[in-house]
C-alpha atoms as a PDB file:
ATOM      1  CA  MET A   1       0.000   0.000   0.000  1.00  0.00           C
ATOM      2  CA  MET A   2       1.288   3.414  -1.026  1.00  0.00           C
ATOM      3  CA  ILE A   3       0.066   6.309   1.119  1.00  0.00           C
ATOM      4  CA  ARG A   4      -0.173   9.837  -0.267  1.00  0.00           C
ATOM      5  CA  PRO A   5      -0.437  12.182   2.739  1.00  0.00           C
ATOM      6  CA  SER A   6      -2.531  15.290   2.325  1.00  0.00           C
ATOM      7  CA  ALA A   7       0.348  17.579   3.289  1.00  0.00           C
ATOM      8  CA  ALA A   8       2.616  16.060   0.617  1.00  0.00           C
ATOM      9  CA  ARG A   9       0.270  16.932  -2.265  1.00  0.00           C
ATOM     10  CA  GLY A  10       0.987  19.713  -4.683  1.00  0.00           C
ATOM     11  CA  ARG A  11      -0.899  22.947  -4.174  1.00  0.00           C
ATOM     12  CA  THR A  12      -2.168  25.862  -6.224  1.00  0.00           C
ATOM     13  CA  ARG A  13      -3.272  28.917  -4.233  1.00  0.00           C
ATOM     14  CA  LEU A  14      -4.916  31.942  -5.806  1.00  0.00           C
ATOM     15  CA  ASP A  15      -7.146  34.607  -4.310  1.00  0.00           C
ATOM     16  CA  TRP A  16     -10.194  32.607  -5.414  1.00  0.00           C
ATOM     17  CA  LEU A  17      -8.878  29.010  -5.504  1.00  0.00           C
ATOM     18  CA  ASP A  18      -7.175  26.593  -3.127  1.00  0.00           C
ATOM     19  CA  SER A  19      -6.421  23.361  -4.986  1.00  0.00           C
ATOM     20  CA  HIS A  20      -4.534  20.272  -3.783  1.00  0.00           C
ATOM     21  CA  HIS A  21      -3.087  17.854  -6.360  1.00  0.00           C
ATOM     22  CA  SER A  22      -2.503  14.194  -5.520  1.00  0.00           C
ATOM     23  CA  PHE A  23      -0.667  13.828  -8.847  1.00  0.00           C
ATOM     24  CA  SER A  24       1.245  16.149 -11.170  1.00  0.00           C
ATOM     25  CA  PHE A  25      -1.059  18.821 -12.534  1.00  0.00           C
ATOM     26  CA  GLY A  26      -0.606  22.228 -14.142  1.00  0.00           C
ATOM     27  CA  ASP A  27       2.468  23.962 -12.734  1.00  0.00           C
ATOM     28  CA  TYR A  28       2.951  21.219 -10.141  1.00  0.00           C
ATOM     29  CA  PHE A  29       5.238  18.474 -11.435  1.00  0.00           C
ATOM     30  CA  ASP A  30       6.468  15.478  -9.444  1.00  0.00           C
ATOM     31  CA  PRO A  31       7.957  12.610 -11.503  1.00  0.00           C
ATOM     32  CA  ASP A  32       7.232  10.216  -8.626  1.00  0.00           C
ATOM     33  CA  HIS A  33       3.512  11.038  -8.698  1.00  0.00           C
ATOM     34  CA  MET A  34       2.337  11.066 -12.296  1.00  0.00           C
ATOM     35  CA  GLY A  35      -0.755   8.951 -11.690  1.00  0.00           C
ATOM     36  CA  PHE A  36      -1.841   5.511 -10.557  1.00  0.00           C
ATOM     37  CA  GLY A  37      -2.748   3.135 -13.351  1.00  0.00           C
ATOM     38  CA  PRO A  38      -5.318   4.941 -15.549  1.00  0.00           C
ATOM     39  CA  LEU A  39      -5.949   7.454 -12.733  1.00  0.00           C
ATOM     40  CA  ARG A  40      -4.185  10.590 -13.916  1.00  0.00           C
ATOM     41  CA  VAL A  41      -5.548  13.534 -11.862  1.00  0.00           C
ATOM     42  CA  LEU A  42      -7.154  13.807  -8.438  1.00  0.00           C
ATOM     43  CA  ASN A  43      -7.648  17.396  -7.349  1.00  0.00           C
ATOM     44  CA  GLU A  44      -9.398  18.674  -4.228  1.00  0.00           C
ATOM     45  CA  ASP A  45     -10.618  22.203  -4.928  1.00  0.00           C
ATOM     46  CA  HIS A  46     -12.046  24.997  -2.805  1.00  0.00           C
ATOM     47  CA  VAL A  47     -13.472  27.888  -4.849  1.00  0.00           C
ATOM     48  CA  ARG A  48     -14.743  31.079  -3.260  1.00  0.00           C
ATOM     49  CA  GLY A  49     -18.207  32.440  -3.957  1.00  0.00           C
ATOM     50  CA  GLY A  50     -18.769  33.928  -7.389  1.00  0.00           C
ATOM     51  CA  ALA A  51     -15.486  32.616  -8.813  1.00  0.00           C
ATOM     52  CA  GLY A  52     -14.481  29.683 -10.980  1.00  0.00           C
ATOM     53  CA  PHE A  53     -12.816  28.327 -14.076  1.00  0.00           C
ATOM     54  CA  ALA A  54     -13.589  30.159 -17.329  1.00  0.00           C
ATOM     55  CA  ALA A  55     -14.259  28.215 -20.519  1.00  0.00           C
ATOM     56  CA  HIS A  56     -11.384  25.854 -21.363  1.00  0.00           C
ATOM     57  CA  GLY A  57     -10.948  22.707 -23.416  1.00  0.00           C
ATOM     58  CA  HIS A  58     -10.172  19.022 -22.797  1.00  0.00           C
ATOM     59  CA  ARG A  59      -9.532  16.012 -25.030  1.00  0.00           C
ATOM     60  CA  ASP A  60      -9.418  12.239 -24.492  1.00  0.00           C
ATOM     61  CA  MET A  61     -10.054  12.189 -20.756  1.00  0.00           C
ATOM     62  CA  GLU A  62     -12.826  10.817 -18.529  1.00  0.00           C
ATOM     63  CA  ILE A  63     -13.541  13.551 -15.961  1.00  0.00           C
ATOM     64  CA  VAL A  64     -15.595  12.844 -12.840  1.00  0.00           C
ATOM     65  CA  THR A  65     -16.639  15.576 -10.396  1.00  0.00           C
ATOM     66  CA  ILE A  66     -17.994  14.960  -6.897  1.00  0.00           C
ATOM     67  CA  VAL A  67     -19.175  17.986  -4.890  1.00  0.00           C
ATOM     68  CA  LEU A  68     -18.582  17.671  -1.149  1.00  0.00           C
ATOM     69  CA  SER A  69     -20.199  20.958  -0.080  1.00  0.00           C
ATOM     70  CA  GLY A  70     -21.712  23.951  -1.818  1.00  0.00           C
ATOM     71  CA  ALA A  71     -22.799  24.062  -5.458  1.00  0.00           C
ATOM     72  CA  LEU A  72     -20.880  23.993  -8.740  1.00  0.00           C
ATOM     73  CA  ALA A  73     -22.321  25.459 -11.967  1.00  0.00           C
ATOM     74  CA  HIS A  74     -21.352  23.685 -15.206  1.00  0.00           C
ATOM     75  CA  ARG A  75     -21.696  24.821 -18.850  1.00  0.00           C
ATOM     76  CA  ASP A  76     -20.215  23.109 -21.908  1.00  0.00           C
ATOM     77  CA  SER A  77     -19.984  23.221 -25.699  1.00  0.00           C
ATOM     78  CA  LEU A  78     -22.468  20.332 -26.012  1.00  0.00           C
ATOM     79  CA  GLY A  79     -25.164  22.657 -24.693  1.00  0.00           C
ATOM     80  CA  ASN A  80     -25.327  21.204 -21.175  1.00  0.00           C
ATOM     81  CA  GLY A  81     -25.885  23.400 -18.152  1.00  0.00           C
ATOM     82  CA  SER A  82     -26.382  22.128 -14.621  1.00  0.00           C
ATOM     83  CA  ILE A  83     -25.779  22.730 -10.931  1.00  0.00           C
ATOM     84  CA  ILE A  84     -23.877  19.968  -9.101  1.00  0.00           C
ATOM     85  CA  ARG A  85     -24.495  19.559  -5.369  1.00  0.00           C
ATOM     86  CA  PRO A  86     -23.602  16.994  -2.677  1.00  0.00           C
ATOM     87  CA  GLY A  87     -25.115  13.671  -3.675  1.00  0.00           C
ATOM     88  CA  ASP A  88     -24.522  14.336  -7.381  1.00  0.00           C
ATOM     89  CA  ILE A  89     -21.855  12.751  -9.549  1.00  0.00           C
ATOM     90  CA  GLN A  90     -20.978  14.380 -12.851  1.00  0.00           C
ATOM     91  CA  HIS A  91     -19.130  12.766 -15.737  1.00  0.00           C
ATOM     92  CA  MET A  92     -17.700  14.430 -18.810  1.00  0.00           C
ATOM     93  CA  SER A  93     -16.062  12.310 -21.504  1.00  0.00           C
ATOM     94  CA  ALA A  94     -13.897  14.852 -23.326  1.00  0.00           C
ATOM     95  CA  GLY A  95     -13.245  12.527 -26.275  1.00  0.00           C
ATOM     96  CA  THR A  96     -12.428  14.369 -29.505  1.00  0.00           C
ATOM     97  CA  GLY A  97     -12.828  17.695 -27.728  1.00  0.00           C
ATOM     98  CA  ILE A  98     -15.112  19.610 -25.385  1.00  0.00           C
ATOM     99  CA  VAL A  99     -15.065  23.128 -23.917  1.00  0.00           C
ATOM    100  CA  HIS A 100     -16.592  23.804 -20.524  1.00  0.00           C
ATOM    101  CA  SER A 101     -16.641  26.220 -17.615  1.00  0.00           C
ATOM    102  CA  GLU A 102     -17.085  25.583 -13.883  1.00  0.00           C
ATOM    103  CA  PHE A 103     -18.115  28.318 -11.486  1.00  0.00           C
ATOM    104  CA  ASN A 104     -19.239  28.433  -7.902  1.00  0.00           C
ATOM    105  CA  GLY A 105     -23.015  28.259  -7.998  1.00  0.00           C
ATOM    106  CA  SER A 106     -23.222  30.701  -5.077  1.00  0.00           C
ATOM    107  CA  ALA A 107     -22.078  34.308  -4.986  1.00  0.00           C
ATOM    108  CA  ALA A 108     -21.237  34.068  -1.288  1.00  0.00           C
ATOM    109  CA  GLU A 109     -20.647  30.489  -0.105  1.00  0.00           C
ATOM    110  CA  PRO A 110     -17.520  28.472  -1.056  1.00  0.00           C
ATOM    111  CA  VAL A 111     -17.745  25.211  -2.997  1.00  0.00           C
ATOM    112  CA  HIS A 112     -15.595  22.181  -2.160  1.00  0.00           C
ATOM    113  CA  PHE A 113     -15.251  19.340  -4.655  1.00  0.00           C
ATOM    114  CA  LEU A 114     -13.106  16.523  -5.989  1.00  0.00           C
ATOM    115  CA  GLN A 115     -12.266  16.402  -9.666  1.00  0.00           C
ATOM    116  CA  ILE A 116     -10.827  13.129 -10.937  1.00  0.00           C
ATOM    117  CA  TRP A 117      -9.430  12.385 -14.399  1.00  0.00           C
ATOM    118  CA  ILE A 118      -9.145   8.858 -15.798  1.00  0.00           C
ATOM    119  CA  LEU A 119      -7.452   7.964 -19.066  1.00  0.00           C
ATOM    120  CA  PRO A 120      -9.997   6.442 -21.505  1.00  0.00           C
ATOM    121  CA  ASP A 121      -9.645   2.994 -23.028  1.00  0.00           C
ATOM    122  CA  ARG A 122      -8.763   4.641 -26.344  1.00  0.00           C
ATOM    123  CA  ALA A 123      -8.585   8.051 -27.970  1.00  0.00           C
ATOM    124  CA  GLY A 124     -11.257   9.483 -30.211  1.00  0.00           C
ATOM    125  CA  HIS A 125     -14.543   8.804 -28.415  1.00  0.00           C
ATOM    126  CA  ALA A 126     -17.412  11.181 -29.128  1.00  0.00           C
ATOM    127  CA  PRO A 127     -17.743  13.740 -26.303  1.00  0.00           C
ATOM    128  CA  ARG A 128     -20.586  13.150 -23.873  1.00  0.00           C
ATOM    129  CA  TYR A 129     -21.928  14.407 -20.563  1.00  0.00           C
ATOM    130  CA  GLY A 130     -23.824  12.720 -17.747  1.00  0.00           C
ATOM    131  CA  GLN A 131     -25.006  13.499 -14.237  1.00  0.00           C
ATOM    132  CA  ILE A 132     -26.920  11.430 -11.682  1.00  0.00           C
ATOM    133  CA  HIS A 133     -28.003  11.959  -8.097  1.00  0.00           C
ATOM    134  CA  VAL A 134     -27.219   9.324  -5.474  1.00  0.00           C
ATOM    135  CA  PRO A 135     -28.513  10.498  -2.071  1.00  0.00           C
ATOM    136  CA  LEU A 136     -25.928  10.463   0.671  1.00  0.00           C
ATOM    137  CA  ALA A 137     -28.276   8.171   2.596  1.00  0.00           C
ATOM    138  CA  GLU A 138     -27.646   5.494  -0.054  1.00  0.00           C
ATOM    139  CA  ARG A 139     -23.919   5.708   0.731  1.00  0.00           C
ATOM    140  CA  ALA A 140     -24.382   5.362   4.493  1.00  0.00           C
ATOM    141  CA  GLY A 141     -22.510   2.458   6.049  1.00  0.00           C
ATOM    142  CA  ARG A 142     -21.321   0.996   2.749  1.00  0.00           C
ATOM    143  CA  LEU A 143     -19.550   1.613  -0.544  1.00  0.00           C
ATOM    144  CA  ARG A 144     -22.157   2.619  -3.155  1.00  0.00           C
ATOM    145  CA  LEU A 145     -21.304   2.283  -6.856  1.00  0.00           C
ATOM    146  CA  LEU A 146     -21.541   5.651  -8.647  1.00  0.00           C
ATOM    147  CA  ALA A 147     -19.858   5.071 -12.029  1.00  0.00           C
ATOM    148  CA  SER A 148     -18.591   2.037 -13.910  1.00  0.00           C
ATOM    149  CA  GLY A 149     -17.113   0.985 -17.212  1.00  0.00           C
ATOM    150  CA  GLU A 150     -20.396  -0.579 -18.303  1.00  0.00           C
ATOM    151  CA  GLY A 151     -22.706   1.940 -16.661  1.00  0.00           C
ATOM    152  CA  ARG A 152     -24.256  -0.986 -14.828  1.00  0.00           C
ATOM    153  CA  ASP A 153     -27.120  -0.672 -12.372  1.00  0.00           C
ATOM    154  CA  GLY A 154     -27.960   2.820 -13.591  1.00  0.00           C
ATOM    155  CA  THR A 155     -24.537   4.272 -12.801  1.00  0.00           C
ATOM    156  CA  ILE A 156     -22.578   6.768 -14.889  1.00  0.00           C
ATOM    157  CA  PRO A 157     -20.884   4.913 -17.807  1.00  0.00           C
ATOM    158  CA  LEU A 158     -17.147   5.413 -18.304  1.00  0.00           C
ATOM    159  CA  HIS A 159     -14.887   4.674 -21.277  1.00  0.00           C
ATOM    160  CA  GLN A 160     -12.551   2.701 -18.983  1.00  0.00           C
ATOM    161  CA  ASP A 161     -12.515  -0.418 -16.823  1.00  0.00           C
ATOM    162  CA  ALA A 162     -13.024   1.556 -13.615  1.00  0.00           C
ATOM    163  CA  ASP A 163     -15.582   1.608 -10.801  1.00  0.00           C
ATOM    164  CA  PHE A 164     -16.166   4.718  -8.693  1.00  0.00           C
ATOM    165  CA  LEU A 165     -17.648   4.037  -5.265  1.00  0.00           C
ATOM    166  CA  ALA A 166     -18.368   6.301  -2.308  1.00  0.00           C
ATOM    167  CA  GLY A 167     -19.238   5.709   1.319  1.00  0.00           C
ATOM    168  CA  VAL A 168     -20.363   7.736   4.329  1.00  0.00           C
ATOM    169  CA  LEU A 169     -19.353   5.963   7.526  1.00  0.00           C
ATOM    170  CA  ALA A 170     -20.171   6.567  11.171  1.00  0.00           C
ATOM    171  CA  PRO A 171     -17.456   5.934  13.793  1.00  0.00           C
ATOM    172  CA  GLY A 172     -16.871   2.203  14.128  1.00  0.00           C
ATOM    173  CA  GLU A 173     -18.498   1.306  10.812  1.00  0.00           C
ATOM    174  CA  ARG A 174     -16.552  -0.688   8.233  1.00  0.00           C
ATOM    175  CA  ALA A 175     -16.670  -0.828   4.455  1.00  0.00           C
ATOM    176  CA  SER A 176     -14.967  -3.563   2.478  1.00  0.00           C
ATOM    177  CA  LEU A 177     -14.235  -4.401  -1.147  1.00  0.00           C
ATOM    178  CA  PRO A 178     -12.419  -7.349  -2.737  1.00  0.00           C
ATOM    179  CA  VAL A 179      -9.275  -6.353  -4.626  1.00  0.00           C
ATOM    180  CA  HIS A 180      -8.695  -8.786  -7.459  1.00  0.00           C
ATOM    181  CA  ALA A 181      -5.317  -9.718  -8.899  1.00  0.00           C
ATOM    182  CA  GLY A 182      -4.136  -7.349 -11.589  1.00  0.00           C
ATOM    183  CA  ARG A 183      -6.308  -4.452 -10.411  1.00  0.00           C
ATOM    184  CA  ARG A 184      -5.456  -1.196  -8.690  1.00  0.00           C
ATOM    185  CA  VAL A 185      -7.558   0.530  -6.056  1.00  0.00           C
ATOM    186  CA  TRP A 186      -7.242   4.136  -4.935  1.00  0.00           C
ATOM    187  CA  VAL A 187      -8.840   5.279  -1.665  1.00  0.00           C
ATOM    188  CA  GLN A 188      -9.346   9.014  -1.077  1.00  0.00           C
ATOM    189  CA  VAL A 189     -10.487  10.281   2.317  1.00  0.00           C
ATOM    190  CA  ALA A 190     -12.832  13.149   1.507  1.00  0.00           C
ATOM    191  CA  GLY A 191     -13.628  13.838   5.148  1.00  0.00           C
ATOM    192  CA  GLY A 192     -13.016  12.478   8.642  1.00  0.00           C
ATOM    193  CA  SER A 193     -10.433   9.824   9.498  1.00  0.00           C
ATOM    194  CA  VAL A 194     -10.250   6.101   8.817  1.00  0.00           C
ATOM    195  CA  GLU A 195      -8.002   3.108   9.386  1.00  0.00           C
ATOM    196  CA  LEU A 196      -6.799   1.180   6.352  1.00  0.00           C
ATOM    197  CA  GLY A 197      -4.278  -1.650   6.483  1.00  0.00           C
ATOM    198  CA  GLY A 198      -3.199  -0.638   9.981  1.00  0.00           C
ATOM    199  CA  ALA A 199      -2.567   2.977   8.928  1.00  0.00           C
ATOM    200  CA  ARG A 200      -4.596   5.995  10.007  1.00  0.00           C
ATOM    201  CA  LEU A 201      -5.674   8.222   7.120  1.00  0.00           C
ATOM    202  CA  GLU A 202      -7.029  11.717   7.632  1.00  0.00           C
ATOM    203  CA  ALA A 203      -9.070  13.983   5.385  1.00  0.00           C
ATOM    204  CA  GLY A 204      -7.142  14.662   2.185  1.00  0.00           C
ATOM    205  CA  ASP A 205      -4.987  11.549   2.480  1.00  0.00           C
ATOM    206  CA  GLY A 206      -5.026   8.946  -0.268  1.00  0.00           C
ATOM    207  CA  ALA A 207      -3.742   5.403  -0.614  1.00  0.00           C
ATOM    208  CA  GLY A 208      -3.075   3.156  -3.577  1.00  0.00           C
ATOM    209  CA  LEU A 209      -3.346  -0.628  -3.317  1.00  0.00           C
ATOM    210  CA  THR A 210      -2.331  -3.305  -5.813  1.00  0.00           C
ATOM    211  CA  ASP A 211      -3.055  -7.038  -5.624  1.00  0.00           C
ATOM    212  CA  GLU A 212      -4.386  -6.866  -2.082  1.00  0.00           C
ATOM    213  CA  GLY A 213      -6.797  -9.614  -1.056  1.00  0.00           C
ATOM    214  CA  SER A 214      -9.425  -7.185   0.194  1.00  0.00           C
ATOM    215  CA  LEU A 215      -9.945  -3.562   1.113  1.00  0.00           C
ATOM    216  CA  ASP A 216     -11.181  -3.025   4.668  1.00  0.00           C
ATOM    217  CA  ILE A 217     -11.867   0.531   5.844  1.00  0.00           C
ATOM    218  CA  LEU A 218     -12.743   1.334   9.473  1.00  0.00           C
ATOM    219  CA  ALA A 219     -14.143   4.788  10.249  1.00  0.00           C
ATOM    220  CA  LEU A 220     -12.546   6.370  13.316  1.00  0.00           C
ATOM    221  CA  THR A 221     -14.660   9.537  13.072  1.00  0.00           C
ATOM    222  CA  PRO A 222     -17.632  10.440  10.837  1.00  0.00           C
ATOM    223  CA  SER A 223     -16.027   9.942   7.427  1.00  0.00           C
ATOM    224  CA  GLU A 224     -16.629  10.239   3.712  1.00  0.00           C
ATOM    225  CA  ILE A 225     -14.529   8.172   1.317  1.00  0.00           C
ATOM    226  CA  VAL A 226     -14.178   7.725  -2.437  1.00  0.00           C
ATOM    227  CA  VAL A 227     -12.803   4.479  -3.869  1.00  0.00           C
ATOM    228  CA  ILE A 228     -11.677   3.902  -7.478  1.00  0.00           C
ATOM    229  CA  ASP A 229     -11.226   0.270  -8.545  1.00  0.00           C
ATOM    230  CA  MET A 230      -9.325   0.061 -11.848  1.00  0.00           C
ATOM    231  CA  GLY A 231      -8.023  -2.502 -14.255  1.00  0.00           C
ATOM    232  CA  GLY A 232      -4.515  -2.041 -15.663  1.00  0.00           C
END
């Protein structure tokens, strides 16, 4: 198990943005942290009220956004416009090219979210957008599937062999997941503190596991976790 402590992440600080980078991103470059399997970017962003990212483009990337608090306003060149709030999961397959903007949906309150980029199974997919709502109550005490390579069980479909799961755990609750040979699993602590493999992980910490028999997470405090189970 490889642990990525919160304090060791890269950081971008502007007057309107505080962003932590688990892997190399933008002006932050670390050759030892270029990704984890197909997982290429995992950013934790805080954006002040009324601010955000102006229109910019992406290609050949599966982009998943999970809002932890506040509201995020999305617009894109496919004609989509939406507000993303806690309980929502948003997916944008950039494919051959898409332009979008992301702004705080509130003029006064900050927004806190995770944005995660996964390499697609191949280049050249048609761009697409999707968003679903999975109430936090459905994530209570377990790992709830949010997105998958096949879009199974009504989840967001991804162009990659990857499952996104999320859990909200009370102190003393456990969540487990089998880790099959040849797969990689990334655990990101979005809030609280948990125990994983004998190690204590706090909010902002991440851990990568390969070829482990099973993933067993114990909540030490009220906690929110995101798990990405990937082939390759």
